[in-house]
N, C-alpha and C. Protein backbone atom coordinates (compact mmCIF):
# COMPACT_ATOMS: atom_id res chain seq x y z
N MET A 1 95.45 66.92 105.89
CA MET A 1 96.64 67.74 105.67
C MET A 1 96.22 69.17 105.38
N SER A 2 96.68 70.08 106.18
CA SER A 2 96.18 71.45 106.11
C SER A 2 97.01 72.35 105.20
N ASN A 3 98.23 71.92 104.82
CA ASN A 3 99.06 72.77 103.97
C ASN A 3 100.05 71.90 103.18
N LEU A 4 100.75 72.55 102.24
CA LEU A 4 101.68 71.83 101.37
C LEU A 4 102.87 71.26 102.14
N SER A 5 103.28 71.95 103.18
CA SER A 5 104.42 71.46 103.96
C SER A 5 104.08 70.11 104.60
N THR A 6 102.90 70.00 105.19
CA THR A 6 102.47 68.73 105.77
C THR A 6 102.33 67.67 104.68
N TRP A 7 101.81 68.08 103.52
CA TRP A 7 101.65 67.14 102.40
C TRP A 7 103.00 66.60 101.96
N ASP A 8 103.99 67.47 101.82
CA ASP A 8 105.32 67.04 101.38
C ASP A 8 105.95 66.08 102.39
N ASP A 9 105.77 66.36 103.67
CA ASP A 9 106.32 65.46 104.69
C ASP A 9 105.67 64.08 104.60
N GLU A 10 104.36 64.05 104.40
CA GLU A 10 103.66 62.77 104.30
C GLU A 10 104.08 62.02 103.04
N TYR A 11 104.26 62.75 101.93
CA TYR A 11 104.70 62.09 100.69
C TYR A 11 106.10 61.49 100.87
N ALA A 12 106.99 62.21 101.52
CA ALA A 12 108.34 61.68 101.74
C ALA A 12 108.29 60.41 102.58
N ARG A 13 107.41 60.38 103.59
CA ARG A 13 107.28 59.19 104.45
C ARG A 13 106.77 58.00 103.64
N ILE A 14 105.73 58.21 102.81
CA ILE A 14 105.18 57.12 102.00
C ILE A 14 106.18 56.68 100.94
N SER A 15 106.95 57.60 100.38
CA SER A 15 107.98 57.24 99.40
C SER A 15 109.03 56.33 100.00
N ARG A 16 109.44 56.63 101.23
CA ARG A 16 110.42 55.77 101.89
C ARG A 16 109.83 54.39 102.16
N ALA A 17 108.56 54.35 102.57
CA ALA A 17 107.91 53.06 102.81
C ALA A 17 107.82 52.24 101.52
N ALA A 18 107.48 52.91 100.40
CA ALA A 18 107.40 52.22 99.12
C ALA A 18 108.77 51.73 98.68
N SER A 19 109.80 52.52 98.93
CA SER A 19 111.16 52.12 98.56
C SER A 19 111.58 50.87 99.33
N GLN A 20 111.29 50.86 100.63
CA GLN A 20 111.61 49.68 101.44
C GLN A 20 110.82 48.47 100.96
N LEU A 21 109.59 48.69 100.55
CA LEU A 21 108.74 47.60 100.06
C LEU A 21 109.30 47.02 98.77
N ARG A 22 109.75 47.88 97.85
CA ARG A 22 110.27 47.41 96.58
C ARG A 22 111.62 46.71 96.75
N ALA A 23 112.42 47.17 97.71
CA ALA A 23 113.76 46.63 97.87
C ALA A 23 113.78 45.35 98.69
N SER A 24 112.73 45.08 99.46
CA SER A 24 112.75 43.94 100.37
C SER A 24 112.90 42.58 99.67
N PRO A 25 112.33 42.34 98.46
CA PRO A 25 112.56 41.03 97.83
C PRO A 25 114.01 40.79 97.44
N HIS A 26 114.78 41.88 97.28
CA HIS A 26 116.17 41.74 96.85
C HIS A 26 117.13 41.70 98.03
N SER A 27 116.60 41.90 99.23
CA SER A 27 117.47 41.91 100.42
C SER A 27 117.56 40.50 100.99
N GLY A 28 118.39 40.34 101.99
CA GLY A 28 118.57 39.02 102.58
C GLY A 28 117.38 38.54 103.37
N SER A 29 116.60 39.44 103.97
CA SER A 29 115.45 39.05 104.79
C SER A 29 114.19 39.60 104.17
N GLN A 30 113.12 38.80 104.17
CA GLN A 30 111.85 39.19 103.60
C GLN A 30 110.79 39.16 104.68
N PRO A 31 109.86 40.12 104.67
CA PRO A 31 108.79 40.11 105.67
C PRO A 31 107.81 38.98 105.38
N HIS A 32 107.01 38.64 106.36
CA HIS A 32 105.96 37.63 106.20
C HIS A 32 105.02 38.08 105.09
N PRO A 33 104.54 37.11 104.25
CA PRO A 33 103.66 37.49 103.14
C PRO A 33 102.46 38.33 103.56
N THR A 34 101.85 37.98 104.69
CA THR A 34 100.69 38.76 105.14
C THR A 34 101.09 40.18 105.50
N ALA A 35 102.23 40.31 106.18
CA ALA A 35 102.71 41.65 106.55
C ALA A 35 103.07 42.45 105.30
N ARG A 36 103.65 41.78 104.30
CA ARG A 36 104.02 42.48 103.07
C ARG A 36 102.78 42.95 102.32
N ALA A 37 101.75 42.08 102.28
CA ALA A 37 100.50 42.49 101.63
C ALA A 37 99.89 43.70 102.33
N HIS A 38 99.99 43.72 103.65
CA HIS A 38 99.48 44.86 104.40
C HIS A 38 100.27 46.13 104.08
N GLN A 39 101.59 45.99 103.90
CA GLN A 39 102.41 47.15 103.55
C GLN A 39 102.03 47.69 102.17
N VAL A 40 101.76 46.75 101.22
CA VAL A 40 101.35 47.19 99.88
C VAL A 40 100.06 47.98 99.96
N ARG A 41 99.08 47.45 100.69
CA ARG A 41 97.80 48.15 100.81
C ARG A 41 97.97 49.49 101.52
N SER A 42 98.87 49.54 102.51
CA SER A 42 99.10 50.78 103.25
C SER A 42 99.68 51.86 102.33
N VAL A 43 100.64 51.47 101.47
CA VAL A 43 101.23 52.44 100.54
C VAL A 43 100.18 52.92 99.55
N GLN A 44 99.39 51.99 99.02
CA GLN A 44 98.37 52.37 98.04
C GLN A 44 97.32 53.30 98.65
N SER A 45 96.88 52.98 99.86
CA SER A 45 95.89 53.85 100.51
C SER A 45 96.49 55.21 100.87
N GLY A 46 97.79 55.22 101.21
CA GLY A 46 98.46 56.48 101.50
C GLY A 46 98.54 57.37 100.28
N LEU A 47 98.82 56.76 99.11
CA LEU A 47 98.87 57.54 97.88
C LEU A 47 97.49 58.08 97.52
N ALA A 48 96.45 57.25 97.72
CA ALA A 48 95.10 57.73 97.45
C ALA A 48 94.73 58.88 98.38
N ARG A 49 95.19 58.79 99.63
CA ARG A 49 94.90 59.85 100.60
C ARG A 49 95.63 61.14 100.21
N LEU A 50 96.86 61.01 99.73
CA LEU A 50 97.60 62.18 99.29
C LEU A 50 96.90 62.87 98.11
N LYS A 51 96.44 62.06 97.15
CA LYS A 51 95.77 62.63 95.99
C LYS A 51 94.47 63.32 96.39
N SER A 52 93.72 62.71 97.32
CA SER A 52 92.46 63.31 97.76
C SER A 52 92.69 64.63 98.48
N SER A 53 93.69 64.66 99.37
CA SER A 53 93.97 65.90 100.10
C SER A 53 94.47 66.99 99.16
N LEU A 54 95.22 66.60 98.11
CA LEU A 54 95.71 67.58 97.14
C LEU A 54 94.54 68.19 96.37
N MET A 55 93.57 67.36 95.99
CA MET A 55 92.40 67.89 95.30
C MET A 55 91.61 68.84 96.21
N SER A 56 91.52 68.49 97.49
CA SER A 56 90.79 69.35 98.43
C SER A 56 91.47 70.71 98.57
N MET A 57 92.81 70.71 98.66
CA MET A 57 93.53 71.97 98.78
C MET A 57 93.40 72.80 97.50
N ARG A 58 93.36 72.12 96.34
CA ARG A 58 93.19 72.86 95.09
C ARG A 58 91.80 73.49 95.03
N ASN A 59 90.78 72.74 95.42
CA ASN A 59 89.42 73.26 95.39
C ASN A 59 89.22 74.42 96.35
N SER A 60 89.96 74.41 97.46
CA SER A 60 89.84 75.50 98.43
C SER A 60 90.73 76.69 98.08
N GLY A 61 91.52 76.59 96.98
CA GLY A 61 92.35 77.70 96.55
C GLY A 61 93.66 77.83 97.31
N MET A 62 94.06 76.79 98.06
CA MET A 62 95.29 76.87 98.84
C MET A 62 96.54 76.66 97.99
N VAL A 63 96.41 75.98 96.84
CA VAL A 63 97.56 75.73 95.96
C VAL A 63 97.17 76.09 94.54
N ASN A 64 98.17 76.40 93.72
CA ASN A 64 97.90 76.72 92.32
C ASN A 64 97.98 75.47 91.47
N SER A 65 97.59 75.60 90.21
CA SER A 65 97.50 74.45 89.32
C SER A 65 98.87 73.83 89.06
N ALA A 66 99.92 74.66 88.98
CA ALA A 66 101.26 74.13 88.70
C ALA A 66 101.72 73.20 89.82
N ASP A 67 101.52 73.62 91.08
CA ASP A 67 101.90 72.77 92.21
C ASP A 67 101.09 71.49 92.22
N VAL A 68 99.81 71.60 91.88
CA VAL A 68 98.95 70.41 91.88
C VAL A 68 99.44 69.42 90.82
N GLN A 69 99.70 69.89 89.60
CA GLN A 69 100.13 69.00 88.53
C GLN A 69 101.47 68.34 88.85
N ARG A 70 102.37 69.11 89.45
CA ARG A 70 103.69 68.54 89.78
C ARG A 70 103.56 67.43 90.82
N ARG A 71 102.74 67.64 91.81
CA ARG A 71 102.57 66.63 92.86
C ARG A 71 101.73 65.44 92.38
N ILE A 72 100.76 65.69 91.49
CA ILE A 72 100.02 64.58 90.90
C ILE A 72 100.98 63.69 90.11
N GLY A 73 101.95 64.31 89.40
CA GLY A 73 102.95 63.53 88.67
C GLY A 73 103.78 62.66 89.61
N LEU A 74 104.14 63.21 90.77
CA LEU A 74 104.90 62.42 91.75
C LEU A 74 104.09 61.22 92.23
N ILE A 75 102.80 61.45 92.50
CA ILE A 75 101.95 60.36 92.99
C ILE A 75 101.80 59.29 91.93
N GLU A 76 101.52 59.70 90.68
CA GLU A 76 101.32 58.72 89.62
C GLU A 76 102.60 57.94 89.33
N ASN A 77 103.75 58.60 89.42
CA ASN A 77 105.02 57.91 89.22
C ASN A 77 105.23 56.84 90.28
N LEU A 78 104.92 57.18 91.53
CA LEU A 78 105.07 56.22 92.62
C LEU A 78 104.06 55.08 92.48
N GLU A 79 102.84 55.40 92.01
CA GLU A 79 101.84 54.35 91.77
C GLU A 79 102.31 53.38 90.70
N ARG A 80 102.93 53.91 89.62
CA ARG A 80 103.42 53.03 88.57
C ARG A 80 104.55 52.13 89.07
N GLN A 81 105.38 52.68 89.93
CA GLN A 81 106.48 51.88 90.47
C GLN A 81 105.97 50.74 91.34
N VAL A 82 104.99 51.05 92.19
CA VAL A 82 104.40 50.01 93.02
C VAL A 82 103.68 48.99 92.15
N GLY A 83 102.98 49.48 91.10
CA GLY A 83 102.28 48.58 90.21
C GLY A 83 103.23 47.70 89.41
N SER A 84 104.37 48.27 88.98
CA SER A 84 105.33 47.48 88.22
C SER A 84 105.96 46.40 89.10
N SER A 85 106.10 46.69 90.39
CA SER A 85 106.61 45.67 91.30
C SER A 85 105.64 44.52 91.40
N THR A 86 104.34 44.84 91.33
CA THR A 86 103.32 43.80 91.42
C THR A 86 103.27 42.97 90.14
N SER A 87 103.35 43.66 88.98
CA SER A 87 103.18 42.96 87.70
C SER A 87 104.44 42.25 87.24
N SER A 88 105.60 42.65 87.79
CA SER A 88 106.85 42.06 87.29
C SER A 88 106.96 40.59 87.60
N GLY A 89 106.41 40.17 88.73
CA GLY A 89 106.52 38.75 89.07
C GLY A 89 105.23 38.19 89.58
N GLY A 90 104.13 38.94 89.41
CA GLY A 90 102.86 38.46 89.92
C GLY A 90 102.73 38.77 91.37
N ASP A 91 101.53 38.53 91.92
CA ASP A 91 101.29 38.80 93.34
C ASP A 91 102.16 37.93 94.21
N SER A 92 102.45 36.70 93.75
CA SER A 92 103.26 35.81 94.59
C SER A 92 104.67 36.35 94.74
N ASP A 93 105.23 36.97 93.66
CA ASP A 93 106.56 37.54 93.78
C ASP A 93 106.54 38.75 94.68
N LEU A 94 105.49 39.59 94.59
CA LEU A 94 105.41 40.78 95.44
C LEU A 94 105.35 40.39 96.89
N LEU A 95 104.68 39.25 97.18
CA LEU A 95 104.54 38.81 98.56
C LEU A 95 105.69 37.91 98.99
N GLY A 96 106.65 37.65 98.07
CA GLY A 96 107.80 36.83 98.44
C GLY A 96 107.52 35.35 98.31
N LEU A 97 106.51 34.93 97.47
CA LEU A 97 106.15 33.53 97.37
C LEU A 97 106.55 32.92 96.03
N GLY A 98 107.11 33.72 95.12
CA GLY A 98 107.40 33.20 93.78
C GLY A 98 108.51 32.18 93.79
N GLY A 99 108.45 31.19 92.89
CA GLY A 99 109.47 30.16 92.81
C GLY A 99 110.29 30.29 91.56
N GLY A 100 111.37 29.53 91.44
CA GLY A 100 112.25 29.59 90.29
C GLY A 100 111.80 28.65 89.19
N ASN A 101 112.28 28.86 87.97
CA ASN A 101 111.97 28.03 86.81
C ASN A 101 113.25 27.46 86.21
N GLY A 102 114.21 27.14 87.02
CA GLY A 102 115.45 26.58 86.49
C GLY A 102 116.61 27.51 86.74
N SER A 103 117.79 27.00 86.60
CA SER A 103 118.99 27.78 86.92
C SER A 103 119.17 28.94 85.96
N ASN A 104 118.87 28.77 84.66
CA ASN A 104 119.03 29.87 83.71
C ASN A 104 118.08 31.00 84.03
N SER A 105 116.84 30.60 84.34
CA SER A 105 115.85 31.62 84.67
C SER A 105 116.25 32.35 85.94
N ASN A 106 116.72 31.60 86.93
CA ASN A 106 117.15 32.24 88.18
C ASN A 106 118.31 33.19 87.94
N SER A 107 119.25 32.79 87.10
CA SER A 107 120.39 33.65 86.80
C SER A 107 119.95 34.92 86.11
N TYR A 108 119.01 34.77 85.15
CA TYR A 108 118.52 35.95 84.43
C TYR A 108 117.80 36.90 85.37
N HIS A 109 116.89 36.32 86.17
CA HIS A 109 116.14 37.17 87.09
C HIS A 109 117.04 37.76 88.17
N GLY A 110 118.09 36.99 88.56
CA GLY A 110 119.01 37.53 89.55
C GLY A 110 119.72 38.77 89.05
N GLY A 111 120.16 38.73 87.77
CA GLY A 111 120.80 39.91 87.21
C GLY A 111 119.84 41.07 87.06
N SER A 112 118.61 40.77 86.64
CA SER A 112 117.61 41.83 86.49
C SER A 112 117.28 42.45 87.84
N GLN A 113 117.17 41.59 88.85
CA GLN A 113 116.85 42.10 90.19
C GLN A 113 117.97 42.97 90.73
N THR A 114 119.22 42.60 90.40
CA THR A 114 120.35 43.42 90.85
C THR A 114 120.29 44.81 90.24
N LEU A 115 120.02 44.85 88.92
CA LEU A 115 119.90 46.15 88.26
C LEU A 115 118.72 46.93 88.81
N ALA A 116 117.61 46.22 89.05
CA ALA A 116 116.43 46.91 89.59
C ALA A 116 116.72 47.46 90.98
N ALA A 117 117.43 46.68 91.79
CA ALA A 117 117.76 47.13 93.13
C ALA A 117 118.65 48.37 93.09
N GLN A 118 119.61 48.38 92.15
CA GLN A 118 120.48 49.55 92.02
C GLN A 118 119.68 50.78 91.60
N ALA A 119 118.74 50.56 90.65
CA ALA A 119 117.91 51.68 90.21
C ALA A 119 117.04 52.19 91.35
N LEU A 120 116.53 51.26 92.14
CA LEU A 120 115.68 51.67 93.28
C LEU A 120 116.49 52.43 94.32
N ARG A 121 117.71 51.97 94.58
CA ARG A 121 118.54 52.69 95.54
C ARG A 121 118.85 54.10 95.04
N HIS A 122 119.12 54.20 93.74
CA HIS A 122 119.38 55.53 93.17
C HIS A 122 118.15 56.43 93.30
N GLN A 123 116.98 55.83 93.05
CA GLN A 123 115.74 56.62 93.16
C GLN A 123 115.49 57.00 94.62
N ASP A 124 115.78 56.09 95.55
CA ASP A 124 115.61 56.40 96.97
C ASP A 124 116.51 57.56 97.38
N ASP A 125 117.74 57.57 96.84
CA ASP A 125 118.63 58.70 97.15
C ASP A 125 118.05 60.01 96.63
N MET A 126 117.45 59.94 95.43
CA MET A 126 116.84 61.15 94.87
C MET A 126 115.65 61.60 95.72
N ILE A 127 114.85 60.64 96.19
CA ILE A 127 113.70 60.98 97.04
C ILE A 127 114.17 61.60 98.35
N ASP A 128 115.20 61.00 98.94
CA ASP A 128 115.74 61.56 100.20
C ASP A 128 116.28 62.97 99.96
N GLU A 129 116.94 63.17 98.82
CA GLU A 129 117.47 64.50 98.51
C GLU A 129 116.33 65.50 98.33
N LEU A 130 115.23 65.04 97.69
CA LEU A 130 114.06 65.91 97.53
C LEU A 130 113.46 66.27 98.88
N ALA A 131 113.36 65.26 99.77
CA ALA A 131 112.81 65.53 101.10
C ALA A 131 113.69 66.51 101.86
N ASN A 132 115.02 66.34 101.75
CA ASN A 132 115.93 67.28 102.42
C ASN A 132 115.81 68.68 101.83
N GLY A 133 115.62 68.75 100.49
CA GLY A 133 115.45 70.06 99.86
C GLY A 133 114.18 70.74 100.33
N VAL A 134 113.10 69.96 100.49
CA VAL A 134 111.86 70.53 101.00
C VAL A 134 112.06 71.06 102.41
N SER A 135 112.79 70.29 103.24
CA SER A 135 113.05 70.72 104.61
C SER A 135 113.87 72.01 104.64
N ARG A 136 114.92 72.07 103.76
CA ARG A 136 115.73 73.30 103.72
C ARG A 136 114.91 74.49 103.24
N LEU A 137 114.04 74.24 102.25
CA LEU A 137 113.19 75.32 101.74
C LEU A 137 112.26 75.83 102.83
N LYS A 138 111.74 74.90 103.64
CA LYS A 138 110.87 75.30 104.74
C LYS A 138 111.62 76.17 105.74
N ASP A 139 112.88 75.75 106.06
CA ASP A 139 113.67 76.55 107.01
C ASP A 139 113.97 77.94 106.43
N GLN A 140 114.32 77.99 105.14
CA GLN A 140 114.61 79.29 104.53
C GLN A 140 113.37 80.18 104.50
N THR A 141 112.20 79.56 104.27
CA THR A 141 110.96 80.34 104.28
C THR A 141 110.69 80.92 105.66
N MET A 142 110.95 80.14 106.69
CA MET A 142 110.77 80.64 108.07
C MET A 142 111.73 81.78 108.36
N LEU A 143 112.98 81.66 107.88
CA LEU A 143 113.95 82.74 108.11
C LEU A 143 113.53 84.02 107.39
N VAL A 144 113.06 83.87 106.15
CA VAL A 144 112.60 85.05 105.40
C VAL A 144 111.41 85.69 106.10
N ASN A 145 110.51 84.85 106.62
CA ASN A 145 109.34 85.38 107.32
C ASN A 145 109.76 86.13 108.58
N ASP A 146 110.71 85.56 109.33
CA ASP A 146 111.19 86.24 110.54
C ASP A 146 111.84 87.57 110.19
N GLU A 147 112.64 87.57 109.09
CA GLU A 147 113.30 88.82 108.69
C GLU A 147 112.28 89.88 108.29
N ALA A 148 111.22 89.44 107.56
CA ALA A 148 110.18 90.39 107.16
C ALA A 148 109.46 90.95 108.38
N ASN A 149 109.19 90.09 109.36
CA ASN A 149 108.53 90.57 110.58
C ASN A 149 109.40 91.57 111.33
N MET A 150 110.72 91.30 111.37
CA MET A 150 111.62 92.22 112.06
C MET A 150 111.66 93.57 111.34
N GLN A 151 111.69 93.55 110.01
CA GLN A 151 111.70 94.81 109.26
C GLN A 151 110.40 95.58 109.46
N ASN A 152 109.29 94.84 109.54
CA ASN A 152 108.00 95.50 109.79
C ASN A 152 108.00 96.17 111.16
N ARG A 153 108.58 95.48 112.15
CA ARG A 153 108.67 96.08 113.48
C ARG A 153 109.54 97.33 113.47
N MET A 154 110.66 97.27 112.73
CA MET A 154 111.54 98.44 112.64
C MET A 154 110.82 99.62 111.97
N LEU A 155 110.05 99.32 110.91
CA LEU A 155 109.31 100.39 110.25
C LEU A 155 108.25 100.97 111.19
N GLY A 156 107.62 100.09 111.97
CA GLY A 156 106.64 100.58 112.94
C GLY A 156 107.28 101.48 113.98
N ASP A 157 108.48 101.10 114.47
CA ASP A 157 109.19 101.94 115.44
C ASP A 157 109.56 103.28 114.83
N MET A 158 109.99 103.27 113.55
CA MET A 158 110.33 104.52 112.89
C MET A 158 109.11 105.44 112.76
N ASP A 159 107.97 104.85 112.43
CA ASP A 159 106.75 105.65 112.33
C ASP A 159 106.40 106.28 113.68
N THR A 160 106.60 105.50 114.75
CA THR A 160 106.32 106.02 116.10
C THR A 160 107.26 107.17 116.43
N ASP A 161 108.56 107.00 116.10
CA ASP A 161 109.53 108.07 116.38
C ASP A 161 109.20 109.34 115.60
N VAL A 162 108.81 109.17 114.32
CA VAL A 162 108.45 110.34 113.51
C VAL A 162 107.23 111.05 114.09
N GLU A 163 106.26 110.28 114.54
CA GLU A 163 105.06 110.88 115.12
C GLU A 163 105.39 111.62 116.41
N ASN A 164 106.27 111.01 117.25
CA ASN A 164 106.67 111.68 118.49
C ASN A 164 107.41 112.98 118.18
N ALA A 165 108.30 112.94 117.17
CA ALA A 165 109.05 114.15 116.80
C ALA A 165 108.10 115.23 116.28
N ARG A 166 107.12 114.83 115.48
CA ARG A 166 106.17 115.82 114.96
C ARG A 166 105.34 116.44 116.08
N THR A 167 104.92 115.61 117.03
CA THR A 167 104.16 116.12 118.16
C THR A 167 104.99 117.09 118.99
N GLY A 168 106.28 116.73 119.24
CA GLY A 168 107.16 117.61 120.00
C GLY A 168 107.41 118.93 119.29
N LEU A 169 107.57 118.88 117.96
CA LEU A 169 107.79 120.09 117.19
C LEU A 169 106.57 121.00 117.25
N GLU A 170 105.39 120.44 117.16
CA GLU A 170 104.18 121.25 117.25
C GLU A 170 104.06 121.90 118.62
N ALA A 171 104.42 121.13 119.67
CA ALA A 171 104.35 121.68 121.02
C ALA A 171 105.32 122.85 121.19
N GLU A 172 106.55 122.69 120.66
CA GLU A 172 107.53 123.76 120.76
C GLU A 172 107.10 124.98 119.96
N THR A 173 106.45 124.75 118.81
CA THR A 173 105.96 125.88 118.00
C THR A 173 104.89 126.67 118.74
N LEU A 174 103.95 125.95 119.35
CA LEU A 174 102.91 126.61 120.14
C LEU A 174 103.49 127.36 121.31
N ARG A 175 104.50 126.78 121.94
CA ARG A 175 105.13 127.45 123.09
C ARG A 175 105.81 128.74 122.65
N ALA A 176 106.51 128.68 121.48
CA ALA A 176 107.18 129.89 120.98
C ALA A 176 106.18 130.98 120.63
N MET A 177 105.05 130.58 120.02
CA MET A 177 104.02 131.55 119.67
C MET A 177 103.42 132.19 120.92
N LYS A 178 103.19 131.37 121.94
CA LYS A 178 102.64 131.90 123.18
C LYS A 178 103.61 132.86 123.84
N LEU A 179 104.90 132.49 123.84
CA LEU A 179 105.91 133.38 124.42
C LEU A 179 105.98 134.69 123.66
N LYS A 180 105.85 134.63 122.35
CA LYS A 180 105.86 135.85 121.55
C LYS A 180 104.67 136.72 121.87
N GLU A 181 103.52 136.11 122.05
CA GLU A 181 102.33 136.87 122.40
C GLU A 181 102.49 137.52 123.78
N ASP A 182 103.07 136.75 124.73
CA ASP A 182 103.27 137.31 126.08
C ASP A 182 104.21 138.51 126.02
N GLN A 183 105.27 138.42 125.23
CA GLN A 183 106.21 139.54 125.12
C GLN A 183 105.53 140.76 124.49
N SER A 184 104.68 140.53 123.51
CA SER A 184 103.96 141.65 122.89
C SER A 184 103.04 142.35 123.87
N VAL A 185 102.38 141.56 124.73
CA VAL A 185 101.49 142.15 125.73
C VAL A 185 102.28 142.99 126.72
N TRP A 186 103.42 142.48 127.19
CA TRP A 186 104.24 143.26 128.12
C TRP A 186 104.76 144.54 127.46
N ARG A 187 105.12 144.45 126.20
CA ARG A 187 105.58 145.65 125.50
C ARG A 187 104.46 146.69 125.40
N LEU A 188 103.26 146.22 125.18
CA LEU A 188 102.12 147.14 125.11
C LEU A 188 101.87 147.80 126.47
N TYR A 189 101.97 146.99 127.53
CA TYR A 189 101.81 147.55 128.87
C TYR A 189 102.85 148.63 129.16
N LEU A 190 104.10 148.37 128.75
CA LEU A 190 105.15 149.36 128.98
C LEU A 190 104.88 150.65 128.21
N ILE A 191 104.43 150.54 126.97
CA ILE A 191 104.12 151.74 126.18
C ILE A 191 102.99 152.54 126.82
N ILE A 192 101.97 151.82 127.28
CA ILE A 192 100.85 152.51 127.94
C ILE A 192 101.34 153.22 129.20
N ALA A 193 102.17 152.53 129.96
CA ALA A 193 102.69 153.14 131.19
C ALA A 193 103.52 154.39 130.87
N GLY A 194 104.38 154.27 129.82
CA GLY A 194 105.20 155.43 129.45
C GLY A 194 104.35 156.59 128.98
N LEU A 195 103.33 156.32 128.19
CA LEU A 195 102.46 157.39 127.73
C LEU A 195 101.68 158.02 128.90
N SER A 196 101.32 157.22 129.86
CA SER A 196 100.60 157.75 131.02
C SER A 196 101.48 158.70 131.82
N ILE A 197 102.75 158.26 131.99
CA ILE A 197 103.70 159.14 132.72
C ILE A 197 103.91 160.44 131.96
N LEU A 198 104.07 160.34 130.63
CA LEU A 198 104.28 161.54 129.82
C LEU A 198 103.08 162.48 129.90
N LEU A 199 101.88 161.90 129.86
CA LEU A 199 100.67 162.71 129.97
C LEU A 199 100.60 163.40 131.32
N PHE A 200 100.97 162.65 132.37
CA PHE A 200 100.96 163.23 133.71
C PHE A 200 101.93 164.40 133.81
N LEU A 201 103.12 164.24 133.21
CA LEU A 201 104.10 165.33 133.26
C LEU A 201 103.62 166.55 132.48
N LEU A 202 102.99 166.32 131.36
CA LEU A 202 102.47 167.44 130.58
C LEU A 202 101.39 168.19 131.36
N ILE A 203 100.57 167.43 132.02
CA ILE A 203 99.52 168.08 132.82
C ILE A 203 100.13 168.90 133.94
N ILE A 204 101.13 168.38 134.61
CA ILE A 204 101.79 169.11 135.69
C ILE A 204 102.43 170.40 135.15
N ASN A 205 103.10 170.29 134.00
CA ASN A 205 103.72 171.47 133.42
C ASN A 205 102.67 172.52 133.02
N GLY A 206 101.56 172.04 132.52
CA GLY A 206 100.51 172.97 132.11
C GLY A 206 99.90 173.70 133.29
N LEU A 207 99.79 173.03 134.36
CA LEU A 207 99.24 173.67 135.56
C LEU A 207 100.24 174.64 136.17
N GLY A 208 101.51 174.34 135.98
CA GLY A 208 102.51 175.21 136.56
C GLY A 208 102.65 176.46 135.74
């Protein structure tokens, strides 16, 4: 798992699998004991894999301590729930092999199982709501990122326009200065020409 988003998706998947595993003894149909044992091992190995990947991301500096502790709490809570399912009726109950000890015992356990099933359904709803919240947060993060990229592009375009305007202003300034210099040169030529004519006339008058 390369990031927290992938980690959260994997945790939501394993949580749903664990919820189905816990609820299956209370439902009308039960999986084969061997298949159920495989599901238990799959959930446990998935939780261990989540914890290992979380430690790796923490060591690499990808997540902060607060995120790590919060997710470790989620993993440990799910581990306790899976463990309580195992210890509540023994391995035989977890695998669907447990037997009854009389009608009173069955009635007591039936009521307890009903309450447990309701609690599990409520917890499953909370897990699904958490998964949906993570998905919405991911979408909002993508929208914010897109908006930030668009604003950066707009700022870049503004910088380009300002640079073009500055370049154009400098060009116009140089052109005006050159035109002013050209006009000064022509004015000087005219003065020289006028003085030359005046000198010529004075010379003519002097000779006359």
